[in-house]
Amino acid sequence: MRKDWRQTVYLARSKIQGLGLYAKRDIHMGDMIIEYKGEVIRSEVGEMREKRYVAQNRGVYMFRIDEDLLVDATMAGGPARYINHSCDPNCSTRILAAGPSPEDKKIIITANRPIKALEEVFPILSVFLLNTSYFPIIVTLEFWGIKWKISIFIVLKEA
């Protein structure tokens, strides 16, 4: 599983926002692109840190593993934290058990279709949301002959 990300992707200015992750070479469907690295922490700790980061006007780079755990890449993470969102994702994530402990889980980003060299890498956004009660629906609409692809976020709350 160990793979040097520099052989596959690089960081550059994104047309979407800030930095983005780009394919250095053609990537085949199913290929591992990069691991989302950072500190594995409990959800409660993540919620406290998120509030602190926002109060400090920092970017928040967190990725949920499951209900109890997430990876905080804000202060000590790899380049995968700069992946931007698009309504046309070209990669997915997989959670792999790398050991017996729940904290040993790894987040791997893989191509869900062929990705051309120099193309920006975009995952399915729902995996990045800190609050698991949100999920996106991607809708394509057509107005005046122009197709629009939009993300609608559904918030689940008890009545």
C-alpha atoms as a PDB file:
ATOM      1  CA  MET A   1       0.000   0.000   0.000  1.00  0.00           C
ATOM      2  CA  ARG A   2       2.935   2.356   0.554  1.00  0.00           C
ATOM      3  CA  LYS A   3       3.270   4.539  -2.505  1.00  0.00           C
ATOM      4  CA  ASP A   4       4.990   7.856  -3.026  1.00  0.00           C
ATOM      5  CA  TRP A   5       2.287  10.344  -4.008  1.00  0.00           C
ATOM      6  CA  ARG A   6       4.805  12.458  -5.953  1.00  0.00           C
ATOM      7  CA  GLN A   7       4.840   9.817  -8.710  1.00  0.00           C
ATOM      8  CA  THR A   8       1.105  10.233  -9.263  1.00  0.00           C
ATOM      9  CA  VAL A   9      -0.030  13.757  -8.314  1.00  0.00           C
ATOM     10  CA  TYR A  10       1.219  17.279  -7.623  1.00  0.00           C
ATOM     11  CA  LEU A  11      -0.123  20.426  -5.943  1.00  0.00           C
ATOM     12  CA  ALA A  12      -0.933  23.526  -8.002  1.00  0.00           C
ATOM     13  CA  ARG A  13      -3.301  26.515  -8.004  1.00  0.00           C
ATOM     14  CA  SER A  14      -6.867  25.385  -8.601  1.00  0.00           C
ATOM     15  CA  LYS A  15      -9.541  27.126 -10.642  1.00  0.00           C
ATOM     16  CA  ILE A  16     -11.964  25.991  -7.928  1.00  0.00           C
ATOM     17  CA  GLN A  17     -10.258  27.320  -4.769  1.00  0.00           C
ATOM     18  CA  GLY A  18      -6.727  27.697  -3.405  1.00  0.00           C
ATOM     19  CA  LEU A  19      -4.513  24.711  -4.044  1.00  0.00           C
ATOM     20  CA  GLY A  20      -5.692  21.565  -5.768  1.00  0.00           C
ATOM     21  CA  LEU A  21      -4.330  18.099  -6.435  1.00  0.00           C
ATOM     22  CA  TYR A  22      -3.556  17.283 -10.087  1.00  0.00           C
ATOM     23  CA  ALA A  23      -2.672  14.074 -11.919  1.00  0.00           C
ATOM     24  CA  LYS A  24       1.009  14.024 -12.884  1.00  0.00           C
ATOM     25  CA  ARG A  25       0.407  11.126 -15.282  1.00  0.00           C
ATOM     26  CA  ASP A  26      -2.571   9.239 -16.677  1.00  0.00           C
ATOM     27  CA  ILE A  27      -4.260   7.322 -13.859  1.00  0.00           C
ATOM     28  CA  HIS A  28      -6.251   4.171 -14.591  1.00  0.00           C
ATOM     29  CA  MET A  29      -9.672   3.469 -13.101  1.00  0.00           C
ATOM     30  CA  GLY A  30      -9.221   1.720  -9.740  1.00  0.00           C
ATOM     31  CA  ASP A  31      -5.629   2.924  -9.232  1.00  0.00           C
ATOM     32  CA  MET A  32      -4.677   4.266  -5.814  1.00  0.00           C
ATOM     33  CA  ILE A  33      -4.002   7.997  -6.073  1.00  0.00           C
ATOM     34  CA  ILE A  34      -3.025   9.034  -2.548  1.00  0.00           C
ATOM     35  CA  GLU A  35      -3.634   8.362   1.140  1.00  0.00           C
ATOM     36  CA  TYR A  36      -5.439  11.024   3.183  1.00  0.00           C
ATOM     37  CA  LYS A  37      -3.003  11.398   6.097  1.00  0.00           C
ATOM     38  CA  GLY A  38      -3.326  13.150   9.411  1.00  0.00           C
ATOM     39  CA  GLU A  39      -4.004  12.504  13.068  1.00  0.00           C
ATOM     40  CA  VAL A  40      -6.722   9.923  13.815  1.00  0.00           C
ATOM     41  CA  ILE A  41      -8.941  11.366  16.562  1.00  0.00           C
ATOM     42  CA  ARG A  42     -12.349  10.794  18.151  1.00  0.00           C
ATOM     43  CA  SER A  43     -15.351  12.720  16.814  1.00  0.00           C
ATOM     44  CA  GLU A  44     -15.758  14.729  20.029  1.00  0.00           C
ATOM     45  CA  VAL A  45     -12.157  15.953  19.778  1.00  0.00           C
ATOM     46  CA  GLY A  46     -12.748  16.803  16.107  1.00  0.00           C
ATOM     47  CA  GLU A  47     -15.763  18.949  16.954  1.00  0.00           C
ATOM     48  CA  MET A  48     -13.752  20.916  19.549  1.00  0.00           C
ATOM     49  CA  ARG A  49     -10.835  21.359  17.166  1.00  0.00           C
ATOM     50  CA  GLU A  50     -13.097  22.481  14.343  1.00  0.00           C
ATOM     51  CA  LYS A  51     -14.505  25.283  16.526  1.00  0.00           C
ATOM     52  CA  ARG A  52     -10.963  26.304  17.546  1.00  0.00           C
ATOM     53  CA  TYR A  53      -9.685  26.293  13.939  1.00  0.00           C
ATOM     54  CA  VAL A  54     -12.631  28.413  12.776  1.00  0.00           C
ATOM     55  CA  ALA A  55     -12.079  30.875  15.660  1.00  0.00           C
ATOM     56  CA  GLN A  56      -8.401  31.085  14.602  1.00  0.00           C
ATOM     57  CA  ASN A  57      -9.471  31.690  10.979  1.00  0.00           C
ATOM     58  CA  ARG A  58      -7.727  28.500   9.811  1.00  0.00           C
ATOM     59  CA  GLY A  59      -8.842  26.105   7.139  1.00  0.00           C
ATOM     60  CA  VAL A  60     -10.353  22.908   8.535  1.00  0.00           C
ATOM     61  CA  TYR A  61      -9.098  19.697   6.925  1.00  0.00           C
ATOM     62  CA  MET A  62     -10.936  16.755   8.466  1.00  0.00           C
ATOM     63  CA  PHE A  63     -12.096  13.500   6.945  1.00  0.00           C
ATOM     64  CA  ARG A  64     -14.547  11.163   8.656  1.00  0.00           C
ATOM     65  CA  ILE A  65     -13.628   7.470   8.912  1.00  0.00           C
ATOM     66  CA  ASP A  66     -16.807   6.383  10.716  1.00  0.00           C
ATOM     67  CA  GLU A  67     -19.178   7.665  13.418  1.00  0.00           C
ATOM     68  CA  ASP A  68     -16.475   7.585  16.083  1.00  0.00           C
ATOM     69  CA  LEU A  69     -13.245   8.495  14.266  1.00  0.00           C
ATOM     70  CA  LEU A  70     -11.916  11.051  11.834  1.00  0.00           C
ATOM     71  CA  VAL A  71      -8.584  12.135  10.417  1.00  0.00           C
ATOM     72  CA  ASP A  72      -7.508  15.692  11.241  1.00  0.00           C
ATOM     73  CA  ALA A  73      -5.040  16.849   8.575  1.00  0.00           C
ATOM     74  CA  THR A  74      -5.231  20.532   9.533  1.00  0.00           C
ATOM     75  CA  MET A  75      -1.913  20.791  11.373  1.00  0.00           C
ATOM     76  CA  ALA A  76      -0.156  17.568  10.368  1.00  0.00           C
ATOM     77  CA  GLY A  77      -1.481  16.199   7.124  1.00  0.00           C
ATOM     78  CA  GLY A  78      -0.424  15.348   3.628  1.00  0.00           C
ATOM     79  CA  PRO A  79      -1.247  16.929   0.272  1.00  0.00           C
ATOM     80  CA  ALA A  80      -4.549  15.040  -0.028  1.00  0.00           C
ATOM     81  CA  ARG A  81      -6.086  17.664   2.264  1.00  0.00           C
ATOM     82  CA  TYR A  82      -6.012  20.111  -0.665  1.00  0.00           C
ATOM     83  CA  ILE A  83      -8.379  18.075  -2.828  1.00  0.00           C
ATOM     84  CA  ASN A  84     -11.275  20.282  -3.959  1.00  0.00           C
ATOM     85  CA  HIS A  85     -14.893  19.292  -4.637  1.00  0.00           C
ATOM     86  CA  SER A  86     -16.601  19.160  -8.014  1.00  0.00           C
ATOM     87  CA  CYS A  87     -20.064  18.103  -9.126  1.00  0.00           C
ATOM     88  CA  ASP A  88     -18.259  15.777 -11.536  1.00  0.00           C
ATOM     89  CA  PRO A  89     -16.043  13.640  -9.239  1.00  0.00           C
ATOM     90  CA  ASN A  90     -13.327  11.439 -10.743  1.00  0.00           C
ATOM     91  CA  CYS A  91     -12.246   9.555  -7.620  1.00  0.00           C
ATOM     92  CA  SER A  92     -13.639   7.775  -4.572  1.00  0.00           C
ATOM     93  CA  THR A  93     -12.410   6.815  -1.144  1.00  0.00           C
ATOM     94  CA  ARG A  94     -11.898   3.500   0.583  1.00  0.00           C
ATOM     95  CA  ILE A  95     -11.356   2.905   4.274  1.00  0.00           C
ATOM     96  CA  LEU A  96      -8.801   0.132   4.837  1.00  0.00           C
ATOM     97  CA  ALA A  97      -7.942  -1.631   8.095  1.00  0.00           C
ATOM     98  CA  ALA A  98      -4.147  -1.471   8.407  1.00  0.00           C
ATOM     99  CA  GLY A  99      -4.045  -3.122  11.839  1.00  0.00           C
ATOM    100  CA  PRO A 100      -6.158  -4.524  14.684  1.00  0.00           C
ATOM    101  CA  SER A 101      -7.044  -1.178  16.301  1.00  0.00           C
ATOM    102  CA  PRO A 102      -9.810   1.111  14.990  1.00  0.00           C
ATOM    103  CA  GLU A 103      -7.180   3.892  14.928  1.00  0.00           C
ATOM    104  CA  ASP A 104      -5.208   1.845  12.368  1.00  0.00           C
ATOM    105  CA  LYS A 105      -7.698   2.584   9.590  1.00  0.00           C
ATOM    106  CA  LYS A 106      -6.369   4.298   6.448  1.00  0.00           C
ATOM    107  CA  ILE A 107      -8.238   6.494   3.977  1.00  0.00           C
ATOM    108  CA  ILE A 108      -7.229   5.726   0.407  1.00  0.00           C
ATOM    109  CA  ILE A 109      -8.336   7.796  -2.585  1.00  0.00           C
ATOM    110  CA  THR A 110      -8.726   5.826  -5.824  1.00  0.00           C
ATOM    111  CA  ALA A 111      -9.707   6.745  -9.382  1.00  0.00           C
ATOM    112  CA  ASN A 112     -13.340   5.903 -10.183  1.00  0.00           C
ATOM    113  CA  ARG A 113     -12.694   6.534 -13.881  1.00  0.00           C
ATOM    114  CA  PRO A 114      -9.590   7.122 -16.030  1.00  0.00           C
ATOM    115  CA  ILE A 115      -7.970  10.458 -15.103  1.00  0.00           C
ATOM    116  CA  LYS A 116      -5.788  12.236 -17.669  1.00  0.00           C
ATOM    117  CA  ALA A 117      -2.433  13.798 -16.813  1.00  0.00           C
ATOM    118  CA  LEU A 118      -2.836  17.456 -15.687  1.00  0.00           C
ATOM    119  CA  GLU A 119      -6.504  16.879 -14.710  1.00  0.00           C
ATOM    120  CA  GLU A 120      -7.524  18.025 -11.222  1.00  0.00           C
ATOM    121  CA  VAL A 121      -8.516  15.234  -8.831  1.00  0.00           C
ATOM    122  CA  PHE A 122     -12.036  15.568  -7.359  1.00  0.00           C
ATOM    123  CA  PRO A 123     -13.564  13.128  -4.851  1.00  0.00           C
ATOM    124  CA  ILE A 124     -17.189  12.542  -3.991  1.00  0.00           C
ATOM    125  CA  LEU A 125     -17.733  15.247  -1.342  1.00  0.00           C
ATOM    126  CA  SER A 126     -19.905  13.324   1.127  1.00  0.00           C
ATOM    127  CA  VAL A 127     -16.878  11.478   2.503  1.00  0.00           C
ATOM    128  CA  PHE A 128     -15.280  14.760   3.585  1.00  0.00           C
ATOM    129  CA  LEU A 129     -18.165  16.085   5.626  1.00  0.00           C
ATOM    130  CA  LEU A 130     -17.434  16.187   9.339  1.00  0.00           C
ATOM    131  CA  ASN A 131     -21.086  15.957  10.316  1.00  0.00           C
ATOM    132  CA  THR A 132     -22.439  12.624   9.083  1.00  0.00           C
ATOM    133  CA  SER A 133     -26.031  13.895   9.086  1.00  0.00           C
ATOM    134  CA  TYR A 134     -25.352  15.643   5.749  1.00  0.00           C
ATOM    135  CA  PHE A 135     -25.173  14.055   2.327  1.00  0.00           C
ATOM    136  CA  PRO A 136     -25.125  15.503  -1.192  1.00  0.00           C
ATOM    137  CA  ILE A 137     -27.352  14.816  -4.158  1.00  0.00           C
ATOM    138  CA  ILE A 138     -25.963  15.862  -7.532  1.00  0.00           C
ATOM    139  CA  VAL A 139     -28.640  17.100  -9.935  1.00  0.00           C
ATOM    140  CA  THR A 140     -28.365  18.123 -13.586  1.00  0.00           C
ATOM    141  CA  LEU A 141     -30.856  20.798 -14.708  1.00  0.00           C
ATOM    142  CA  GLU A 142     -31.315  22.474 -18.063  1.00  0.00           C
ATOM    143  CA  PHE A 143     -32.401  26.116 -18.438  1.00  0.00           C
ATOM    144  CA  TRP A 144     -32.449  28.055 -21.695  1.00  0.00           C
ATOM    145  CA  GLY A 145     -30.398  25.363 -23.412  1.00  0.00           C
ATOM    146  CA  ILE A 146     -27.640  25.422 -20.777  1.00  0.00           C
ATOM    147  CA  LYS A 147     -27.021  22.377 -18.579  1.00  0.00           C
ATOM    148  CA  TRP A 148     -26.260  23.086 -14.922  1.00  0.00           C
ATOM    149  CA  LYS A 149     -24.890  20.517 -12.502  1.00  0.00           C
ATOM    150  CA  ILE A 150     -25.589  21.413  -8.890  1.00  0.00           C
ATOM    151  CA  SER A 151     -25.028  19.770  -5.504  1.00  0.00           C
ATOM    152  CA  ILE A 152     -27.926  19.817  -3.074  1.00  0.00           C
ATOM    153  CA  PHE A 153     -27.105  18.981   0.536  1.00  0.00           C
ATOM    154  CA  ILE A 154     -29.726  17.144   2.546  1.00  0.00           C
ATOM    155  CA  VAL A 155     -29.626  17.717   6.310  1.00  0.00           C
ATOM    156  CA  LEU A 156     -31.110  14.928   8.413  1.00  0.00           C
ATOM    157  CA  LYS A 157     -32.737  16.094  11.648  1.00  0.00           C
ATOM    158  CA  GLU A 158     -35.160  14.475  14.044  1.00  0.00           C
ATOM    159  CA  ALA A 159     -38.693  15.889  13.908  1.00  0.00           C
END
